[in-house]
PDB file of N, CA and C in Angstrom:
ATOM      1  N   UNK A   1       1.893  16.144  13.772  1.00  0.00           N
ATOM      2  CA  UNK A   1       2.165  15.189  13.113  1.00  0.00           C
ATOM      3  C   UNK A   1       1.308  13.938  12.237  1.00  0.00           C
ATOM      4  N   UNK A   2       2.054  13.834  10.912  1.00  0.00           N
ATOM      5  CA  UNK A   2       1.097  12.969  10.281  1.00  0.00           C
ATOM      6  C   UNK A   2       1.178  11.863  10.653  1.00  0.00           C
ATOM      7  N   UNK A   3       0.195  11.002  10.077  1.00  0.00           N
ATOM      8  CA  UNK A   3      -0.279   9.992   9.793  1.00  0.00           C
ATOM      9  C   UNK A   3       1.354   8.752   8.899  1.00  0.00           C
ATOM     10  N   UNK A   4       1.914   7.892   9.886  1.00  0.00           N
ATOM     11  CA  UNK A   4       2.832   7.701   8.889  1.00  0.00           C
ATOM     12  C   UNK A   4       2.626   6.872   7.989  1.00  0.00           C
ATOM     13  N   UNK A   5       1.035   5.890   7.925  1.00  0.00           N
ATOM     14  CA  UNK A   5       0.733   5.389   6.228  1.00  0.00           C
ATOM     15  C   UNK A   5      -0.434   5.990   6.097  1.00  0.00           C
ATOM     16  N   UNK A   6      -0.831   5.481   4.634  1.00  0.00           N
ATOM     17  CA  UNK A   6      -2.287   5.969   3.681  1.00  0.00           C
ATOM     18  C   UNK A   6      -1.978   5.988   3.128  1.00  0.00           C
ATOM     19  N   UNK A   7      -3.608   5.718   2.819  1.00  0.00           N
ATOM     20  CA  UNK A   7      -4.165   4.995   1.207  1.00  0.00           C
ATOM     21  C   UNK A   7      -5.037   5.920   0.526  1.00  0.00           C
ATOM     22  N   UNK A   8      -4.228   5.245  -0.134  1.00  0.00           N
ATOM     23  CA  UNK A   8      -4.884   6.099  -1.495  1.00  0.00           C
ATOM     24  C   UNK A   8      -5.387   5.787  -2.821  1.00  0.00           C
ATOM     25  N   UNK A   9      -7.140   5.812  -3.364  1.00  0.00           N
ATOM     26  CA  UNK A   9      -7.510   4.566  -4.037  1.00  0.00           C
ATOM     27  C   UNK A   9      -8.046   5.458  -4.936  1.00  0.00           C
ATOM     28  N   UNK A  10      -8.043   5.022  -6.357  1.00  0.00           N
ATOM     29  CA  UNK A  10      -8.704   6.035  -7.614  1.00  0.00           C
ATOM     30  C   UNK A  10      -9.347   5.691  -7.844  1.00  0.00           C
ATOM     31  N   UNK A  11     -10.566   5.841  -8.381  1.00  0.00           N
ATOM     32  CA  UNK A  11     -11.602   4.394  -9.313  1.00  0.00           C
ATOM     33  C   UNK A  11     -11.856   4.637 -10.312  1.00  0.00           C
ATOM     34  N   UNK A  12     -11.649   3.321 -10.801  1.00  0.00           N
ATOM     35  CA  UNK A  12     -11.401   3.026 -11.745  1.00  0.00           C
ATOM     36  C   UNK A  12     -12.132   3.072 -12.835  1.00  0.00           C
ATOM     37  N   UNK A  13     -12.229   3.787 -14.379  1.00  0.00           N
ATOM     38  CA  UNK A  13     -12.828   4.210 -15.390  1.00  0.00           C
ATOM     39  C   UNK A  13     -13.343   2.697 -15.630  1.00  0.00           C
ATOM     40  N   UNK A  14     -12.443   1.670 -16.257  1.00  0.00           N
ATOM     41  CA  UNK A  14     -12.673   0.759 -16.787  1.00  0.00           C
ATOM     42  C   UNK A  14     -12.082   0.011 -16.587  1.00  0.00           C
ATOM     43  N   UNK A  15     -12.344  -1.820 -16.568  1.00  0.00           N
ATOM     44  CA  UNK A  15     -11.362  -2.536 -15.674  1.00  0.00           C
ATOM     45  C   UNK A  15     -11.517  -3.526 -17.131  1.00  0.00           C
ATOM     46  N   UNK A  16     -10.491  -3.611 -17.141  1.00  0.00           N
ATOM     47  CA  UNK A  16      -9.740  -4.676 -18.377  1.00  0.00           C
ATOM     48  C   UNK A  16     -10.865  -5.761 -18.788  1.00  0.00           C
ATOM     49  N   UNK A  17     -11.697  -6.203 -19.476  1.00  0.00           N
ATOM     50  CA  UNK A  17     -12.392  -7.570 -19.147  1.00  0.00           C
ATOM     51  C   UNK A  17     -11.310  -9.207 -19.168  1.00  0.00           C
ATOM     52  N   UNK A  18     -10.463  -8.670 -20.010  1.00  0.00           N
ATOM     53  CA  UNK A  18      -9.695 -10.123 -20.020  1.00  0.00           C
ATOM     54  C   UNK A  18      -8.885 -10.136 -19.081  1.00  0.00           C
ATOM     55  N   UNK A  19      -7.661  -9.252 -17.927  1.00  0.00           N
ATOM     56  CA  UNK A  19      -6.757  -9.628 -16.673  1.00  0.00           C
ATOM     57  C   UNK A  19      -8.209  -9.414 -15.676  1.00  0.00           C
ATOM     58  N   UNK A  20      -9.719  -9.430 -15.899  1.00  0.00           N
ATOM     59  CA  UNK A  20     -10.276  -9.065 -14.683  1.00  0.00           C
ATOM     60  C   UNK A  20     -10.790 -10.702 -14.443  1.00  0.00           C
ATOM     61  N   UNK A  21     -10.957 -11.725 -15.769  1.00  0.00           N
ATOM     62  CA  UNK A  21     -11.110 -12.910 -15.779  1.00  0.00           C
ATOM     63  C   UNK A  21     -10.058 -13.809 -15.296  1.00  0.00           C
ATOM     64  N   UNK A  22      -8.850 -13.962 -15.274  1.00  0.00           N
ATOM     65  CA  UNK A  22      -8.081 -14.112 -14.797  1.00  0.00           C
ATOM     66  C   UNK A  22      -6.976 -14.002 -13.890  1.00  0.00           C
ATOM     67  N   UNK A  23      -7.914 -13.100 -13.439  1.00  0.00           N
ATOM     68  CA  UNK A  23      -7.198 -12.685 -12.095  1.00  0.00           C
ATOM     69  C   UNK A  23      -6.672 -13.377 -11.004  1.00  0.00           C
ATOM     70  N   UNK A  24      -7.252 -13.521 -10.591  1.00  0.00           N
ATOM     71  CA  UNK A  24      -7.701 -15.534  -9.458  1.00  0.00           C
ATOM     72  C   UNK A  24      -5.784 -16.085  -9.873  1.00  0.00           C
ATOM     73  N   UNK A  25      -5.763 -16.009 -11.520  1.00  0.00           N
ATOM     74  CA  UNK A  25      -4.536 -17.043 -11.485  1.00  0.00           C
ATOM     75  C   UNK A  25      -3.439 -15.884 -11.509  1.00  0.00           C
ATOM     76  N   UNK A  26      -3.421 -14.970 -11.498  1.00  0.00           N
ATOM     77  CA  UNK A  26      -2.251 -13.525 -11.720  1.00  0.00           C
ATOM     78  C   UNK A  26      -2.136 -13.126 -10.372  1.00  0.00           C
ATOM     79  N   UNK A  27      -2.638 -13.393  -9.684  1.00  0.00           N
ATOM     80  CA  UNK A  27      -2.518 -13.343  -8.126  1.00  0.00           C
ATOM     81  C   UNK A  27      -1.663 -13.978  -7.089  1.00  0.00           C
ATOM     82  N   UNK A  28      -1.541 -15.458  -7.948  1.00  0.00           N
ATOM     83  CA  UNK A  28      -1.034 -16.765  -7.242  1.00  0.00           C
ATOM     84  C   UNK A  28       0.591 -16.357  -6.469  1.00  0.00           C
ATOM     85  N   UNK A  29       1.307 -16.245  -8.073  1.00  0.00           N
ATOM     86  CA  UNK A  29       2.916 -15.843  -7.752  1.00  0.00           C
ATOM     87  C   UNK A  29       2.556 -14.815  -6.617  1.00  0.00           C
ATOM     88  N   UNK A  30       2.172 -13.735  -6.348  1.00  0.00           N
ATOM     89  CA  UNK A  30       2.108 -12.509  -5.449  1.00  0.00           C
ATOM     90  C   UNK A  30       1.554 -13.144  -3.958  1.00  0.00           C
ATOM     91  N   UNK A  31       0.697 -14.144  -4.008  1.00  0.00           N
ATOM     92  CA  UNK A  31       0.324 -14.597  -2.557  1.00  0.00           C
ATOM     93  C   UNK A  31       1.553 -15.699  -1.670  1.00  0.00           C
ATOM     94  N   UNK A  32       2.382 -16.371  -3.213  1.00  0.00           N
ATOM     95  CA  UNK A  32       3.012 -17.693  -2.226  1.00  0.00           C
ATOM     96  C   UNK A  32       4.387 -16.564  -2.309  1.00  0.00           C
ATOM     97  N   UNK A  33       4.394 -15.942  -2.882  1.00  0.00           N
ATOM     98  CA  UNK A  33       5.829 -14.945  -2.003  1.00  0.00           C
ATOM     99  C   UNK A  33       4.674 -13.614  -0.259  1.00  0.00           C
ATOM    100  N   UNK A  34       4.446 -13.822  -0.951  1.00  0.00           N
ATOM    101  CA  UNK A  34       3.608 -13.120   0.337  1.00  0.00           C
ATOM    102  C   UNK A  34       2.998 -13.605   1.669  1.00  0.00           C
ATOM    103  N   UNK A  35       2.767 -15.070   0.670  1.00  0.00           N
ATOM    104  CA  UNK A  35       2.486 -15.750   2.507  1.00  0.00           C
ATOM    105  C   UNK A  35       4.174 -16.294   3.357  1.00  0.00           C
ATOM    106  N   UNK A  36       4.952 -15.839   2.449  1.00  0.00           N
ATOM    107  CA  UNK A  36       6.314 -16.068   3.703  1.00  0.00           C
ATOM    108  C   UNK A  36       6.955 -15.289   3.861  1.00  0.00           C
ATOM    109  N   UNK A  37       6.927 -13.965   2.969  1.00  0.00           N
ATOM    110  CA  UNK A  37       7.426 -12.840   3.872  1.00  0.00           C
ATOM    111  C   UNK A  37       6.235 -12.292   4.828  1.00  0.00           C
ATOM    112  N   UNK A  38       4.606 -12.377   4.897  1.00  0.00           N
ATOM    113  CA  UNK A  38       3.848 -12.668   5.799  1.00  0.00           C
ATOM    114  C   UNK A  38       4.497 -13.575   7.657  1.00  0.00           C
ATOM    115  N   UNK A  39       5.078 -14.919   7.203  1.00  0.00           N
ATOM    116  CA  UNK A  39       5.496 -15.597   8.005  1.00  0.00           C
ATOM    117  C   UNK A  39       6.624 -14.511   8.759  1.00  0.00           C
ATOM    118  N   UNK A  40       7.489 -13.778   8.213  1.00  0.00           N
ATOM    119  CA  UNK A  40       8.465 -13.094   8.673  1.00  0.00           C
ATOM    120  C   UNK A  40       8.377 -11.680   8.912  1.00  0.00           C
ATOM    121  N   UNK A  41       7.131 -11.615   8.745  1.00  0.00           N
ATOM    122  CA  UNK A  41       5.933 -10.836   9.089  1.00  0.00           C
ATOM    123  C   UNK A  41       5.843  -9.991  10.859  1.00  0.00           C
ATOM    124  N   UNK A  42       5.113 -11.035  10.994  1.00  0.00           N
ATOM    125  CA  UNK A  42       4.716 -12.035  11.800  1.00  0.00           C
ATOM    126  C   UNK A  42       5.260 -12.078  12.937  1.00  0.00           C
ATOM    127  N   UNK A  43       6.527 -12.739  12.949  1.00  0.00           N
ATOM    128  CA  UNK A  43       8.250 -12.904  13.370  1.00  0.00           C
ATOM    129  C   UNK A  43       8.176 -11.365  14.031  1.00  0.00           C
ATOM    130  N   UNK A  44       8.805 -10.125  13.040  1.00  0.00           N
ATOM    131  CA  UNK A  44       9.480  -8.997  13.471  1.00  0.00           C
ATOM    132  C   UNK A  44       7.879  -8.409  14.433  1.00  0.00           C
ATOM    133  N   UNK A  45       6.493  -8.302  13.891  1.00  0.00           N
ATOM    134  CA  UNK A  45       6.211  -7.761  14.940  1.00  0.00           C
ATOM    135  C   UNK A  45       5.672  -8.832  16.056  1.00  0.00           C
ATOM    136  N   UNK A  46       5.903 -10.016  16.945  1.00  0.00           N
ATOM    137  CA  UNK A  46       6.475 -10.292  17.665  1.00  0.00           C
ATOM    138  C   UNK A  46       8.008  -9.425  18.610  1.00  0.00           C
ATOM    139  N   UNK A  47       9.188  -9.529  17.840  1.00  0.00           N
ATOM    140  CA  UNK A  47      10.152  -8.968  18.631  1.00  0.00           C
ATOM    141  C   UNK A  47       9.758  -7.976  18.407  1.00  0.00           C
ATOM    142  N   UNK A  48       9.009  -6.986  17.748  1.00  0.00           N
ATOM    143  CA  UNK A  48       8.746  -5.796  17.766  1.00  0.00           C
ATOM    144  C   UNK A  48       7.638  -5.214  19.108  1.00  0.00           C
ATOM    145  N   UNK A  49       7.483  -5.990  19.024  1.00  0.00           N
ATOM    146  CA  UNK A  49       6.041  -6.186  20.283  1.00  0.00           C
ATOM    147  C   UNK A  49       7.441  -5.806  21.579  1.00  0.00           C
ATOM    148  N   UNK A  50       7.741  -6.772  22.008  1.00  0.00           N
ATOM    149  CA  UNK A  50       8.744  -7.489  22.519  1.00  0.00           C
ATOM    150  C   UNK A  50       9.899  -5.556  23.037  1.00  0.00           C
ATOM    151  N   UNK A  51      10.387  -4.933  21.647  1.00  0.00           N
ATOM    152  CA  UNK A  51      11.282  -3.449  21.703  1.00  0.00           C
ATOM    153  C   UNK A  51       9.617  -2.628  22.611  1.00  0.00           C
ATOM    154  N   UNK A  52       8.910  -2.086  21.606  1.00  0.00           N
ATOM    155  CA  UNK A  52       8.546  -1.507  22.478  1.00  0.00           C
ATOM    156  C   UNK A  52       7.888  -1.422  24.212  1.00  0.00           C
ATOM    157  N   UNK A  53       7.974  -2.433  24.412  1.00  0.00           N
ATOM    158  CA  UNK A  53       7.313  -2.771  25.968  1.00  0.00           C
ATOM    159  C   UNK A  53       8.956  -2.443  26.812  1.00  0.00           C
ATOM    160  N   UNK A  54      10.053  -2.944  26.144  1.00  0.00           N
ATOM    161  CA  UNK A  54      11.399  -2.411  27.192  1.00  0.00           C
ATOM    162  C   UNK A  54      11.604  -1.003  26.856  1.00  0.00           C
ATOM    163  N   UNK A  55      11.638  -0.384  25.590  1.00  0.00           N
ATOM    164  CA  UNK A  55      12.046   0.648  25.147  1.00  0.00           C
ATOM    165  C   UNK A  55      11.153   2.033  25.131  1.00  0.00           C
ATOM    166  N   UNK A  56       9.684   1.526  24.440  1.00  0.00           N
ATOM    167  CA  UNK A  56       8.804   2.803  24.221  1.00  0.00           C
ATOM    168  C   UNK A  56       8.668   3.789  22.861  1.00  0.00           C
ATOM    169  N   UNK A  57       9.852   2.645  22.057  1.00  0.00           N
ATOM    170  CA  UNK A  57       9.240   3.327  21.284  1.00  0.00           C
ATOM    171  C   UNK A  57       9.846   1.666  19.946  1.00  0.00           C
ATOM    172  N   UNK A  58       9.015   1.989  18.624  1.00  0.00           N
ATOM    173  CA  UNK A  58       9.559   1.283  17.519  1.00  0.00           C
ATOM    174  C   UNK A  58      10.183   1.295  16.567  1.00  0.00           C
ATOM    175  N   UNK A  59      10.933   0.087  16.690  1.00  0.00           N
ATOM    176  CA  UNK A  59      12.380  -0.050  16.420  1.00  0.00           C
ATOM    177  C   UNK A  59      12.360   0.445  14.927  1.00  0.00           C
ATOM    178  N   UNK A  60      13.275   1.620  13.763  1.00  0.00           N
ATOM    179  CA  UNK A  60      12.850   2.461  12.727  1.00  0.00           C
ATOM    180  C   UNK A  60      12.900   1.473  11.230  1.00  0.00           C
ATOM    181  N   UNK A  61      13.437   0.465  11.205  1.00  0.00           N
ATOM    182  CA  UNK A  61      13.976  -1.159  10.742  1.00  0.00           C
ATOM    183  C   UNK A  61      13.217  -1.625  10.892  1.00  0.00           C
ATOM    184  N   UNK A  62      12.627  -2.043  11.445  1.00  0.00           N
ATOM    185  CA  UNK A  62      11.104  -3.321  12.048  1.00  0.00           C
ATOM    186  C   UNK A  62       9.900  -2.226  11.045  1.00  0.00           C
ATOM    187  N   UNK A  63      10.317  -1.199  12.213  1.00  0.00           N
ATOM    188  CA  UNK A  63       8.892  -0.717  11.200  1.00  0.00           C
ATOM    189  C   UNK A  63       8.619  -0.414   9.907  1.00  0.00           C
ATOM    190  N   UNK A  64       9.758  -0.357   8.966  1.00  0.00           N
ATOM    191  CA  UNK A  64       9.432   0.458   8.052  1.00  0.00           C
ATOM    192  C   UNK A  64       9.851  -1.620   7.045  1.00  0.00           C
ATOM    193  N   UNK A  65       9.956  -2.409   7.964  1.00  0.00           N
ATOM    194  CA  UNK A  65       9.842  -3.881   6.924  1.00  0.00           C
ATOM    195  C   UNK A  65       7.931  -3.872   6.503  1.00  0.00           C
ATOM    196  N   UNK A  66       7.981  -3.798   8.250  1.00  0.00           N
ATOM    197  CA  UNK A  66       5.986  -4.084   8.703  1.00  0.00           C
ATOM    198  C   UNK A  66       5.448  -3.199   7.275  1.00  0.00           C
ATOM    199  N   UNK A  67       5.380  -1.717   6.899  1.00  0.00           N
ATOM    200  CA  UNK A  67       5.298  -0.965   6.179  1.00  0.00           C
ATOM    201  C   UNK A  67       5.321  -1.177   4.606  1.00  0.00           C
ATOM    202  N   UNK A  68       6.344  -1.368   4.257  1.00  0.00           N
ATOM    203  CA  UNK A  68       6.973  -2.508   3.246  1.00  0.00           C
ATOM    204  C   UNK A  68       5.778  -3.440   3.014  1.00  0.00           C
ATOM    205  N   UNK A  69       5.902  -4.533   3.329  1.00  0.00           N
ATOM    206  CA  UNK A  69       4.683  -5.438   3.410  1.00  0.00           C
ATOM    207  C   UNK A  69       3.818  -5.465   3.187  1.00  0.00           C
ATOM    208  N   UNK A  70       2.936  -4.766   4.169  1.00  0.00           N
ATOM    209  CA  UNK A  70       1.789  -4.233   4.606  1.00  0.00           C
ATOM    210  C   UNK A  70       1.202  -3.807   2.890  1.00  0.00           C
ATOM    211  N   UNK A  71       2.126  -2.679   2.275  1.00  0.00           N
ATOM    212  CA  UNK A  71       1.949  -1.434   1.423  1.00  0.00           C
ATOM    213  C   UNK A  71       1.778  -2.572   0.140  1.00  0.00           C
ATOM    214  N   UNK A  72       2.946  -4.159   0.022  1.00  0.00           N
ATOM    215  CA  UNK A  72       2.638  -4.628  -0.597  1.00  0.00           C
ATOM    216  C   UNK A  72       1.752  -5.630  -1.368  1.00  0.00           C
ATOM    217  N   UNK A  73       1.034  -6.067   0.327  1.00  0.00           N
ATOM    218  CA  UNK A  73      -0.030  -7.219   0.446  1.00  0.00           C
ATOM    219  C   UNK A  73      -1.582  -6.262   0.674  1.00  0.00           C
ATOM    220  N   UNK A  74      -1.543  -4.157   0.242  1.00  0.00           N
ATOM    221  CA  UNK A  74      -2.615  -3.961  -0.215  1.00  0.00           C
ATOM    222  C   UNK A  74      -3.164  -4.140  -1.451  1.00  0.00           C
ATOM    223  N   UNK A  75      -1.519  -3.743  -2.215  1.00  0.00           N
ATOM    224  CA  UNK A  75      -1.438  -3.383  -3.553  1.00  0.00           C
ATOM    225  C   UNK A  75      -2.265  -4.953  -4.168  1.00  0.00           C
ATOM    226  N   UNK A  76      -1.875  -5.788  -3.717  1.00  0.00           N
ATOM    227  CA  UNK A  76      -2.414  -7.201  -4.669  1.00  0.00           C
ATOM    228  C   UNK A  76      -3.227  -7.184  -4.237  1.00  0.00           C
ATOM    229  N   UNK A  77      -3.610  -7.149  -3.116  1.00  0.00           N
ATOM    230  CA  UNK A  77      -5.433  -7.242  -2.114  1.00  0.00           C
ATOM    231  C   UNK A  77      -6.493  -6.467  -3.257  1.00  0.00           C
ATOM    232  N   UNK A  78      -5.898  -5.384  -3.169  1.00  0.00           N
ATOM    233  CA  UNK A  78      -7.138  -4.680  -4.089  1.00  0.00           C
ATOM    234  C   UNK A  78      -6.722  -4.750  -5.414  1.00  0.00           C
ATOM    235  N   UNK A  79      -5.528  -5.145  -6.445  1.00  0.00           N
ATOM    236  CA  UNK A  79      -5.917  -6.121  -7.585  1.00  0.00           C
ATOM    237  C   UNK A  79      -6.927  -6.840  -7.186  1.00  0.00           C
ATOM    238  N   UNK A  80      -6.456  -7.773  -6.724  1.00  0.00           N
ATOM    239  CA  UNK A  80      -7.337  -9.176  -6.666  1.00  0.00           C
ATOM    240  C   UNK A  80      -9.586  -8.910  -6.375  1.00  0.00           C
ATOM    241  N   UNK A  81      -9.542  -7.572  -5.720  1.00  0.00           N
ATOM    242  CA  UNK A  81     -11.238  -8.099  -5.469  1.00  0.00           C
ATOM    243  C   UNK A  81     -11.022  -6.788  -6.186  1.00  0.00           C
ATOM    244  N   UNK A  82     -10.981  -5.848  -7.244  1.00  0.00           N
ATOM    245  CA  UNK A  82     -11.173  -5.325  -8.442  1.00  0.00           C
ATOM    246  C   UNK A  82     -11.247  -4.025  -7.927  1.00  0.00           C
ATOM    247  N   UNK A  83     -10.307  -3.734  -7.366  1.00  0.00           N
ATOM    248  CA  UNK A  83     -10.170  -2.270  -6.721  1.00  0.00           C
ATOM    249  C   UNK A  83      -9.883  -1.115  -7.694  1.00  0.00           C
ATOM    250  N   UNK A  84      -8.045  -1.773  -8.197  1.00  0.00           N
ATOM    251  CA  UNK A  84      -7.524  -1.423  -9.103  1.00  0.00           C
ATOM    252  C   UNK A  84      -7.405  -3.167 -10.383  1.00  0.00           C
ATOM    253  N   UNK A  85      -7.356  -1.920 -11.755  1.00  0.00           N
ATOM    254  CA  UNK A  85      -6.568  -2.396 -12.976  1.00  0.00           C
ATOM    255  C   UNK A  85      -5.345  -2.685 -12.586  1.00  0.00           C
ATOM    256  N   UNK A  86      -4.131  -1.862 -11.931  1.00  0.00           N
ATOM    257  CA  UNK A  86      -3.360  -1.902 -12.414  1.00  0.00           C
ATOM    258  C   UNK A  86      -2.668  -2.821 -11.837  1.00  0.00           C
ATOM    259  N   UNK A  87      -1.917  -4.331 -12.593  1.00  0.00           N
ATOM    260  CA  UNK A  87      -0.974  -5.079 -11.580  1.00  0.00           C
ATOM    261  C   UNK A  87       0.064  -4.590 -11.601  1.00  0.00           C
ATOM    262  N   UNK A  88       0.022  -5.402  -9.892  1.00  0.00           N
ATOM    263  CA  UNK A  88       0.991  -4.955  -8.730  1.00  0.00           C
ATOM    264  C   UNK A  88       2.040  -5.532  -9.129  1.00  0.00           C
ATOM    265  N   UNK A  89       3.415  -4.216  -8.143  1.00  0.00           N
ATOM    266  CA  UNK A  89       4.581  -4.870  -8.846  1.00  0.00           C
ATOM    267  C   UNK A  89       5.187  -6.382  -7.700  1.00  0.00           C
ATOM    268  N   UNK A  90       6.111  -6.659  -7.729  1.00  0.00           N
ATOM    269  CA  UNK A  90       6.570  -7.693  -6.846  1.00  0.00           C
ATOM    270  C   UNK A  90       7.450  -6.999  -5.533  1.00  0.00           C
ATOM    271  N   UNK A  91       6.403  -5.594  -5.020  1.00  0.00           N
ATOM    272  CA  UNK A  91       7.940  -5.358  -4.831  1.00  0.00           C
ATOM    273  C   UNK A  91       6.782  -4.140  -3.489  1.00  0.00           C
ATOM    274  N   UNK A  92       7.572  -3.535  -2.241  1.00  0.00           N
ATOM    275  CA  UNK A  92       6.678  -2.798  -1.298  1.00  0.00           C
ATOM    276  C   UNK A  92       6.680  -1.357  -1.975  1.00  0.00           C
ATOM    277  N   UNK A  93       7.559  -1.028  -2.523  1.00  0.00           N
ATOM    278  CA  UNK A  93       8.282   0.847  -2.273  1.00  0.00           C
ATOM    279  C   UNK A  93       6.879   1.905  -2.656  1.00  0.00           C
ATOM    280  N   UNK A  94       7.532   2.612  -2.300  1.00  0.00           N
ATOM    281  CA  UNK A  94       6.006   3.656  -2.523  1.00  0.00           C
ATOM    282  C   UNK A  94       5.687   3.785  -4.148  1.00  0.00           C
TER     283      UNK A  94
END
């Protein structure tokens, strides 16, 4: 079985100077939404812990939510820390 979550980052050849300057302001809407989704993610992680403890399995729906949130958070963080120049979408889809 392969890893359920992978991270692939391509080296940016050139970063836009304009978006690099305003990047801290451009991610504010993402971080506001991700803050509340992170609260939900913490609650889901707590519920998942109990589910794993009693059933021995990670519930698929809860796992998918955590992966969705983590994907979105990783894209926003990578954009903010100049790993990529592509503005992240407001979604955690692949």
